[in-house]
Amino acid sequence: MELKNDRFLYRLWTHEKGLSVMFLLLCIMQFIVVPLFGSYSRFMVFVNIFWMLFIMAGIISLAKDKKQALLISIIPFLFLMVQWIDFFQTNLIVVFADLFLSVALMLLLITLVLIKVLEPGPVTQYRIIGSIVVYMLLVNLWCTVYLFIFKHIEGSFQMAVSPFESSSEQANFMYFSYITMTSTGYGEIVPIHPFARSLVQIEVLTGVLYPVILIGRLVSDANFSLKK
């Protein structure tokens, strides 16, 4: 769907160079904001609002028409509605709806970036950077699921206590998701529950196969284009 608006968030989705800006924003988010400011809930609200606007810009930019954009926008709208309900009243239905919509929203963002990375045309350095953005978003996806399991299944993870006040649960599982995705595993956080262990195994498998299947293929195609 063509846009007459050329504001910053829209340019990130309409130009390939925007993929490198996405990478920079995601690095700031995952390596600075979440580890150092994740425990400040009010600050994180503004950060989440920015990412919500970012997703909406992606939907409007990449949708084929207004009807498709409206249909896809149902996901972030429902997510915000459930977050609002959860603020006033929490029950089992709201909790699982929150998980389902959080995962759906993250998968939507991953899909939007993949559409941009795999769109017709020569493979550029920006598309390779975009594939790394998807890798980092996958880390965030598993972080969301791990955090849910930790909060709602007692004893699902064994975790070393951090002496730093700035260390939030989100920061801990973002770190755990990265070391799992990269098959590093330092042992400060250990999955105990069988379901948690199964998810860890799937993430490890994803972390091994994704760089080979997509990133490696894009790098190969980019080198072929340069030689040609």
C-alpha atoms as a PDB file:
ATOM      1  CA  MET A   1       0.000   0.000   0.000  1.00  0.00           C
ATOM      2  CA  GLU A   2       1.558   3.283  -1.125  1.00  0.00           C
ATOM      3  CA  LEU A   3       2.069   6.031   1.410  1.00  0.00           C
ATOM      4  CA  LYS A   4       2.112   9.742   0.906  1.00  0.00           C
ATOM      5  CA  ASN A   5       3.494  10.135   4.431  1.00  0.00           C
ATOM      6  CA  ASP A   6       7.303  10.127   4.523  1.00  0.00           C
ATOM      7  CA  ARG A   7       7.878  10.296   8.255  1.00  0.00           C
ATOM      8  CA  PHE A   8      10.721   8.519  10.047  1.00  0.00           C
ATOM      9  CA  LEU A   9       8.924   5.301  11.024  1.00  0.00           C
ATOM     10  CA  TYR A  10       7.500   4.867   7.527  1.00  0.00           C
ATOM     11  CA  ARG A  11      10.879   5.430   5.878  1.00  0.00           C
ATOM     12  CA  LEU A  12      12.288   2.527   7.911  1.00  0.00           C
ATOM     13  CA  TRP A  13       9.894   0.221   6.089  1.00  0.00           C
ATOM     14  CA  THR A  14       9.870   1.809   2.626  1.00  0.00           C
ATOM     15  CA  HIS A  15      13.679   2.010   2.139  1.00  0.00           C
ATOM     16  CA  GLU A  16      16.188  -0.838   2.427  1.00  0.00           C
ATOM     17  CA  LYS A  17      18.500   1.375   4.471  1.00  0.00           C
ATOM     18  CA  GLY A  18      15.806   1.325   7.131  1.00  0.00           C
ATOM     19  CA  LEU A  19      16.811  -2.264   7.942  1.00  0.00           C
ATOM     20  CA  SER A  20      20.148  -1.018   9.269  1.00  0.00           C
ATOM     21  CA  VAL A  21      18.338   1.545  11.427  1.00  0.00           C
ATOM     22  CA  MET A  22      16.090  -1.256  12.736  1.00  0.00           C
ATOM     23  CA  PHE A  23      19.227  -3.185  13.658  1.00  0.00           C
ATOM     24  CA  LEU A  24      20.618  -0.185  15.535  1.00  0.00           C
ATOM     25  CA  LEU A  25      17.329   0.405  17.370  1.00  0.00           C
ATOM     26  CA  LEU A  26      17.094  -3.253  18.329  1.00  0.00           C
ATOM     27  CA  CYS A  27      20.677  -3.246  19.640  1.00  0.00           C
ATOM     28  CA  ILE A  28      19.895  -0.209  21.803  1.00  0.00           C
ATOM     29  CA  MET A  29      16.707  -1.892  23.017  1.00  0.00           C
ATOM     30  CA  GLN A  30      18.155  -5.318  23.842  1.00  0.00           C
ATOM     31  CA  PHE A  31      21.667  -4.416  24.991  1.00  0.00           C
ATOM     32  CA  ILE A  32      21.106  -1.076  26.759  1.00  0.00           C
ATOM     33  CA  VAL A  33      17.460  -0.263  27.507  1.00  0.00           C
ATOM     34  CA  VAL A  34      16.262  -3.670  28.771  1.00  0.00           C
ATOM     35  CA  PRO A  35      19.386  -4.544  30.846  1.00  0.00           C
ATOM     36  CA  LEU A  36      19.791  -1.083  32.431  1.00  0.00           C
ATOM     37  CA  PHE A  37      16.247   0.322  32.533  1.00  0.00           C
ATOM     38  CA  GLY A  38      14.041  -2.774  32.375  1.00  0.00           C
ATOM     39  CA  SER A  39      13.104  -2.446  36.057  1.00  0.00           C
ATOM     40  CA  TYR A  40      11.632   1.043  35.468  1.00  0.00           C
ATOM     41  CA  SER A  41       8.097   0.138  34.417  1.00  0.00           C
ATOM     42  CA  ARG A  42       7.006   3.681  33.499  1.00  0.00           C
ATOM     43  CA  PHE A  43       9.979   4.153  31.196  1.00  0.00           C
ATOM     44  CA  MET A  44       9.321   0.784  29.542  1.00  0.00           C
ATOM     45  CA  VAL A  45       5.746   1.851  28.817  1.00  0.00           C
ATOM     46  CA  PHE A  46       7.045   4.629  26.540  1.00  0.00           C
ATOM     47  CA  VAL A  47       9.480   2.197  24.919  1.00  0.00           C
ATOM     48  CA  ASN A  48       6.652  -0.258  24.206  1.00  0.00           C
ATOM     49  CA  ILE A  49       4.520   2.556  22.752  1.00  0.00           C
ATOM     50  CA  PHE A  50       7.343   3.358  20.329  1.00  0.00           C
ATOM     51  CA  TRP A  51       7.566  -0.275  19.182  1.00  0.00           C
ATOM     52  CA  MET A  52       3.809  -0.434  18.786  1.00  0.00           C
ATOM     53  CA  LEU A  53       3.916   2.623  16.510  1.00  0.00           C
ATOM     54  CA  PHE A  54       6.818   0.988  14.683  1.00  0.00           C
ATOM     55  CA  ILE A  55       4.750  -2.143  14.010  1.00  0.00           C
ATOM     56  CA  MET A  56       1.759  -0.108  12.870  1.00  0.00           C
ATOM     57  CA  ALA A  57       4.005   1.788  10.441  1.00  0.00           C
ATOM     58  CA  GLY A  58       5.196  -1.560   9.080  1.00  0.00           C
ATOM     59  CA  ILE A  59       1.640  -2.801   8.611  1.00  0.00           C
ATOM     60  CA  ILE A  60       0.582   0.345   6.764  1.00  0.00           C
ATOM     61  CA  SER A  61       3.757   0.404   4.647  1.00  0.00           C
ATOM     62  CA  LEU A  62       3.780  -3.236   3.540  1.00  0.00           C
ATOM     63  CA  ALA A  63       0.059  -4.051   3.307  1.00  0.00           C
ATOM     64  CA  LYS A  64      -1.269  -4.412  -0.233  1.00  0.00           C
ATOM     65  CA  ASP A  65      -4.351  -2.297   0.446  1.00  0.00           C
ATOM     66  CA  LYS A  66      -6.283  -0.618   3.248  1.00  0.00           C
ATOM     67  CA  LYS A  67      -8.473  -3.655   3.846  1.00  0.00           C
ATOM     68  CA  GLN A  68      -5.470  -5.904   4.451  1.00  0.00           C
ATOM     69  CA  ALA A  69      -3.897  -3.275   6.706  1.00  0.00           C
ATOM     70  CA  LEU A  70      -7.068  -3.079   8.809  1.00  0.00           C
ATOM     71  CA  LEU A  71      -7.278  -6.865   9.132  1.00  0.00           C
ATOM     72  CA  ILE A  72      -3.651  -7.186  10.241  1.00  0.00           C
ATOM     73  CA  SER A  73      -4.063  -4.260  12.643  1.00  0.00           C
ATOM     74  CA  ILE A  74      -6.514  -6.371  14.630  1.00  0.00           C
ATOM     75  CA  ILE A  75      -3.554  -8.121  16.296  1.00  0.00           C
ATOM     76  CA  PRO A  76      -1.953  -5.005  17.854  1.00  0.00           C
ATOM     77  CA  PHE A  77      -5.411  -3.627  18.692  1.00  0.00           C
ATOM     78  CA  LEU A  78      -6.359  -6.797  20.606  1.00  0.00           C
ATOM     79  CA  PHE A  79      -2.951  -6.813  22.276  1.00  0.00           C
ATOM     80  CA  LEU A  80      -3.464  -3.280  23.589  1.00  0.00           C
ATOM     81  CA  MET A  81      -6.991  -4.122  24.713  1.00  0.00           C
ATOM     82  CA  VAL A  82      -5.816  -7.173  26.679  1.00  0.00           C
ATOM     83  CA  GLN A  83      -2.993  -5.145  28.235  1.00  0.00           C
ATOM     84  CA  TRP A  84      -5.550  -2.571  29.350  1.00  0.00           C
ATOM     85  CA  ILE A  85      -7.850  -5.244  30.824  1.00  0.00           C
ATOM     86  CA  ASP A  86      -4.901  -6.905  32.577  1.00  0.00           C
ATOM     87  CA  PHE A  87      -4.055  -3.571  34.235  1.00  0.00           C
ATOM     88  CA  PHE A  88      -7.422  -3.530  36.016  1.00  0.00           C
ATOM     89  CA  GLN A  89      -8.299  -7.219  36.343  1.00  0.00           C
ATOM     90  CA  THR A  90      -6.198 -10.349  35.944  1.00  0.00           C
ATOM     91  CA  ASN A  91      -7.593 -13.832  35.454  1.00  0.00           C
ATOM     92  CA  LEU A  92      -6.518 -17.025  33.705  1.00  0.00           C
ATOM     93  CA  ILE A  93      -8.176 -16.110  30.395  1.00  0.00           C
ATOM     94  CA  VAL A  94      -6.514 -12.685  30.319  1.00  0.00           C
ATOM     95  CA  VAL A  95      -3.129 -14.204  31.188  1.00  0.00           C
ATOM     96  CA  PHE A  96      -3.222 -16.707  28.312  1.00  0.00           C
ATOM     97  CA  ALA A  97      -4.677 -14.120  25.936  1.00  0.00           C
ATOM     98  CA  ASP A  98      -1.771 -11.851  26.816  1.00  0.00           C
ATOM     99  CA  LEU A  99       0.729 -14.616  26.018  1.00  0.00           C
ATOM    100  CA  PHE A 100      -1.005 -15.567  22.768  1.00  0.00           C
ATOM    101  CA  LEU A 101      -1.209 -11.965  21.529  1.00  0.00           C
ATOM    102  CA  SER A 102       2.344 -11.152  22.633  1.00  0.00           C
ATOM    103  CA  VAL A 103       3.636 -14.092  20.592  1.00  0.00           C
ATOM    104  CA  ALA A 104       1.339 -13.185  17.674  1.00  0.00           C
ATOM    105  CA  LEU A 105       2.580  -9.586  17.730  1.00  0.00           C
ATOM    106  CA  MET A 106       6.206 -10.697  17.750  1.00  0.00           C
ATOM    107  CA  LEU A 107       5.579 -13.145  14.891  1.00  0.00           C
ATOM    108  CA  LEU A 108       3.868 -10.344  12.984  1.00  0.00           C
ATOM    109  CA  LEU A 109       6.926  -8.116  13.385  1.00  0.00           C
ATOM    110  CA  ILE A 110       9.214 -10.954  12.286  1.00  0.00           C
ATOM    111  CA  THR A 111       7.011 -11.570   9.239  1.00  0.00           C
ATOM    112  CA  LEU A 112       7.046  -7.883   8.278  1.00  0.00           C
ATOM    113  CA  VAL A 113      10.843  -7.748   8.420  1.00  0.00           C
ATOM    114  CA  LEU A 114      11.133 -10.994   6.436  1.00  0.00           C
ATOM    115  CA  ILE A 115       8.829  -9.562   3.753  1.00  0.00           C
ATOM    116  CA  LYS A 116      11.192  -6.618   3.456  1.00  0.00           C
ATOM    117  CA  VAL A 117      14.287  -8.849   3.414  1.00  0.00           C
ATOM    118  CA  LEU A 118      12.919 -11.306   0.832  1.00  0.00           C
ATOM    119  CA  GLU A 119      11.168  -8.844  -1.484  1.00  0.00           C
ATOM    120  CA  PRO A 120      12.115  -9.072  -5.195  1.00  0.00           C
ATOM    121  CA  GLY A 121      15.423  -7.492  -6.169  1.00  0.00           C
ATOM    122  CA  PRO A 122      19.165  -7.947  -5.702  1.00  0.00           C
ATOM    123  CA  VAL A 123      20.481  -9.006  -2.295  1.00  0.00           C
ATOM    124  CA  THR A 124      22.171  -6.033  -0.647  1.00  0.00           C
ATOM    125  CA  GLN A 125      24.060  -5.550   2.599  1.00  0.00           C
ATOM    126  CA  TYR A 126      20.911  -4.038   4.083  1.00  0.00           C
ATOM    127  CA  ARG A 127      18.953  -7.241   3.485  1.00  0.00           C
ATOM    128  CA  ILE A 128      21.667  -9.243   5.212  1.00  0.00           C
ATOM    129  CA  ILE A 129      21.414  -6.843   8.157  1.00  0.00           C
ATOM    130  CA  GLY A 130      17.636  -7.344   8.027  1.00  0.00           C
ATOM    131  CA  SER A 131      18.108 -11.112   8.372  1.00  0.00           C
ATOM    132  CA  ILE A 132      20.160 -10.437  11.512  1.00  0.00           C
ATOM    133  CA  VAL A 133      17.279  -8.271  12.779  1.00  0.00           C
ATOM    134  CA  VAL A 134      14.989 -11.298  12.388  1.00  0.00           C
ATOM    135  CA  TYR A 135      17.492 -13.390  14.364  1.00  0.00           C
ATOM    136  CA  MET A 136      17.410 -10.855  17.193  1.00  0.00           C
ATOM    137  CA  LEU A 137      13.606 -10.743  17.111  1.00  0.00           C
ATOM    138  CA  LEU A 138      13.518 -14.531  17.452  1.00  0.00           C
ATOM    139  CA  VAL A 139      15.588 -14.129  20.609  1.00  0.00           C
ATOM    140  CA  ASN A 140      12.984 -11.660  21.876  1.00  0.00           C
ATOM    141  CA  LEU A 141      10.179 -14.089  21.004  1.00  0.00           C
ATOM    142  CA  TRP A 142      11.638 -16.870  23.120  1.00  0.00           C
ATOM    143  CA  CYS A 143      12.375 -14.387  25.897  1.00  0.00           C
ATOM    144  CA  THR A 144       8.641 -13.592  26.051  1.00  0.00           C
ATOM    145  CA  VAL A 145       7.692 -17.271  26.345  1.00  0.00           C
ATOM    146  CA  TYR A 146      10.383 -18.024  28.943  1.00  0.00           C
ATOM    147  CA  LEU A 147       9.239 -15.081  31.035  1.00  0.00           C
ATOM    148  CA  PHE A 148       5.644 -16.329  30.949  1.00  0.00           C
ATOM    149  CA  ILE A 149       6.666 -19.833  32.039  1.00  0.00           C
ATOM    150  CA  PHE A 150       8.864 -18.457  34.828  1.00  0.00           C
ATOM    151  CA  LYS A 151       6.020 -16.342  36.204  1.00  0.00           C
ATOM    152  CA  HIS A 152       3.277 -18.977  36.020  1.00  0.00           C
ATOM    153  CA  ILE A 153       5.039 -22.313  36.601  1.00  0.00           C
ATOM    154  CA  GLU A 154       6.785 -22.287  39.947  1.00  0.00           C
ATOM    155  CA  GLY A 155      10.274 -23.783  39.859  1.00  0.00           C
ATOM    156  CA  SER A 156      10.389 -23.930  36.059  1.00  0.00           C
ATOM    157  CA  PHE A 157      13.788 -22.205  36.036  1.00  0.00           C
ATOM    158  CA  GLN A 158      16.644 -22.189  38.527  1.00  0.00           C
ATOM    159  CA  MET A 159      18.196 -18.733  38.503  1.00  0.00           C
ATOM    160  CA  ALA A 160      21.142 -17.110  40.266  1.00  0.00           C
ATOM    161  CA  VAL A 161      20.116 -14.029  42.258  1.00  0.00           C
ATOM    162  CA  SER A 162      21.492 -10.781  40.817  1.00  0.00           C
ATOM    163  CA  PRO A 163      22.834  -8.165  43.259  1.00  0.00           C
ATOM    164  CA  PHE A 164      22.003  -5.339  40.819  1.00  0.00           C
ATOM    165  CA  GLU A 165      18.673  -3.523  41.181  1.00  0.00           C
ATOM    166  CA  SER A 166      18.542  -2.669  37.479  1.00  0.00           C
ATOM    167  CA  SER A 167      18.454  -6.365  36.575  1.00  0.00           C
ATOM    168  CA  SER A 168      14.831  -7.146  35.662  1.00  0.00           C
ATOM    169  CA  GLU A 169      13.267 -10.519  34.882  1.00  0.00           C
ATOM    170  CA  GLN A 170      12.956  -9.464  31.242  1.00  0.00           C
ATOM    171  CA  ALA A 171      16.668  -8.627  31.128  1.00  0.00           C
ATOM    172  CA  ASN A 172      17.541 -11.985  32.702  1.00  0.00           C
ATOM    173  CA  PHE A 173      15.570 -13.968  30.147  1.00  0.00           C
ATOM    174  CA  MET A 174      16.737 -11.811  27.247  1.00  0.00           C
ATOM    175  CA  TYR A 175      20.257 -12.768  28.289  1.00  0.00           C
ATOM    176  CA  PHE A 176      19.235 -16.420  28.700  1.00  0.00           C
ATOM    177  CA  SER A 177      17.578 -16.434  25.282  1.00  0.00           C
ATOM    178  CA  TYR A 178      20.745 -15.104  23.634  1.00  0.00           C
ATOM    179  CA  ILE A 179      23.053 -17.634  25.236  1.00  0.00           C
ATOM    180  CA  THR A 180      20.574 -20.377  24.330  1.00  0.00           C
ATOM    181  CA  MET A 181      20.162 -19.241  20.717  1.00  0.00           C
ATOM    182  CA  THR A 182      23.947 -19.107  20.304  1.00  0.00           C
ATOM    183  CA  SER A 183      24.453 -22.434  22.156  1.00  0.00           C
ATOM    184  CA  THR A 184      26.740 -20.777  24.702  1.00  0.00           C
ATOM    185  CA  GLY A 185      25.077 -21.702  28.005  1.00  0.00           C
ATOM    186  CA  TYR A 186      26.953 -20.328  31.028  1.00  0.00           C
ATOM    187  CA  GLY A 187      24.632 -21.984  33.543  1.00  0.00           C
ATOM    188  CA  GLU A 188      23.347 -19.019  35.596  1.00  0.00           C
ATOM    189  CA  ILE A 189      19.789 -19.842  34.467  1.00  0.00           C
ATOM    190  CA  VAL A 190      18.840 -23.497  34.200  1.00  0.00           C
ATOM    191  CA  PRO A 191      15.521 -24.823  32.802  1.00  0.00           C
ATOM    192  CA  ILE A 192      13.987 -27.369  35.177  1.00  0.00           C
ATOM    193  CA  HIS A 193      10.422 -27.911  33.949  1.00  0.00           C
ATOM    194  CA  PRO A 194      10.137 -30.382  30.996  1.00  0.00           C
ATOM    195  CA  PHE A 195       8.214 -27.864  28.874  1.00  0.00           C
ATOM    196  CA  ALA A 196      10.871 -25.208  29.500  1.00  0.00           C
ATOM    197  CA  ARG A 197      13.554 -27.671  28.456  1.00  0.00           C
ATOM    198  CA  SER A 198      11.658 -28.518  25.272  1.00  0.00           C
ATOM    199  CA  LEU A 199      11.468 -24.842  24.346  1.00  0.00           C
ATOM    200  CA  VAL A 200      15.189 -24.471  24.995  1.00  0.00           C
ATOM    201  CA  GLN A 201      15.891 -27.375  22.653  1.00  0.00           C
ATOM    202  CA  ILE A 202      13.764 -25.813  19.911  1.00  0.00           C
ATOM    203  CA  GLU A 203      15.533 -22.463  20.323  1.00  0.00           C
ATOM    204  CA  VAL A 204      18.956 -24.114  20.134  1.00  0.00           C
ATOM    205  CA  LEU A 205      17.905 -25.898  16.943  1.00  0.00           C
ATOM    206  CA  THR A 206      16.625 -22.606  15.504  1.00  0.00           C
ATOM    207  CA  GLY A 207      19.850 -20.861  16.468  1.00  0.00           C
ATOM    208  CA  VAL A 208      21.884 -23.492  14.637  1.00  0.00           C
ATOM    209  CA  LEU A 209      19.774 -23.753  11.468  1.00  0.00           C
ATOM    210  CA  TYR A 210      18.644 -20.155  10.892  1.00  0.00           C
ATOM    211  CA  PRO A 211      22.097 -18.623  10.172  1.00  0.00           C
ATOM    212  CA  VAL A 212      22.886 -21.464   7.770  1.00  0.00           C
ATOM    213  CA  ILE A 213      19.564 -21.503   5.922  1.00  0.00           C
ATOM    214  CA  LEU A 214      18.747 -17.795   5.592  1.00  0.00           C
ATOM    215  CA  ILE A 215      21.720 -15.597   6.515  1.00  0.00           C
ATOM    216  CA  GLY A 216      24.192 -17.881   4.739  1.00  0.00           C
ATOM    217  CA  ARG A 217      21.969 -18.033   1.648  1.00  0.00           C
ATOM    218  CA  LEU A 218      21.632 -14.238   1.514  1.00  0.00           C
ATOM    219  CA  VAL A 219      25.403 -13.749   1.886  1.00  0.00           C
ATOM    220  CA  SER A 220      25.981 -16.297  -0.894  1.00  0.00           C
ATOM    221  CA  ASP A 221      23.480 -14.572  -3.200  1.00  0.00           C
ATOM    222  CA  ALA A 222      25.015 -11.183  -2.428  1.00  0.00           C
ATOM    223  CA  ASN A 223      28.499 -12.437  -3.334  1.00  0.00           C
ATOM    224  CA  PHE A 224      27.149 -13.960  -6.539  1.00  0.00           C
ATOM    225  CA  SER A 225      25.519 -10.646  -7.491  1.00  0.00           C
ATOM    226  CA  LEU A 226      28.758  -8.764  -6.872  1.00  0.00           C
ATOM    227  CA  LYS A 227      30.793 -11.203  -9.004  1.00  0.00           C
ATOM    228  CA  LYS A 228      28.206 -11.080 -11.754  1.00  0.00           C
END
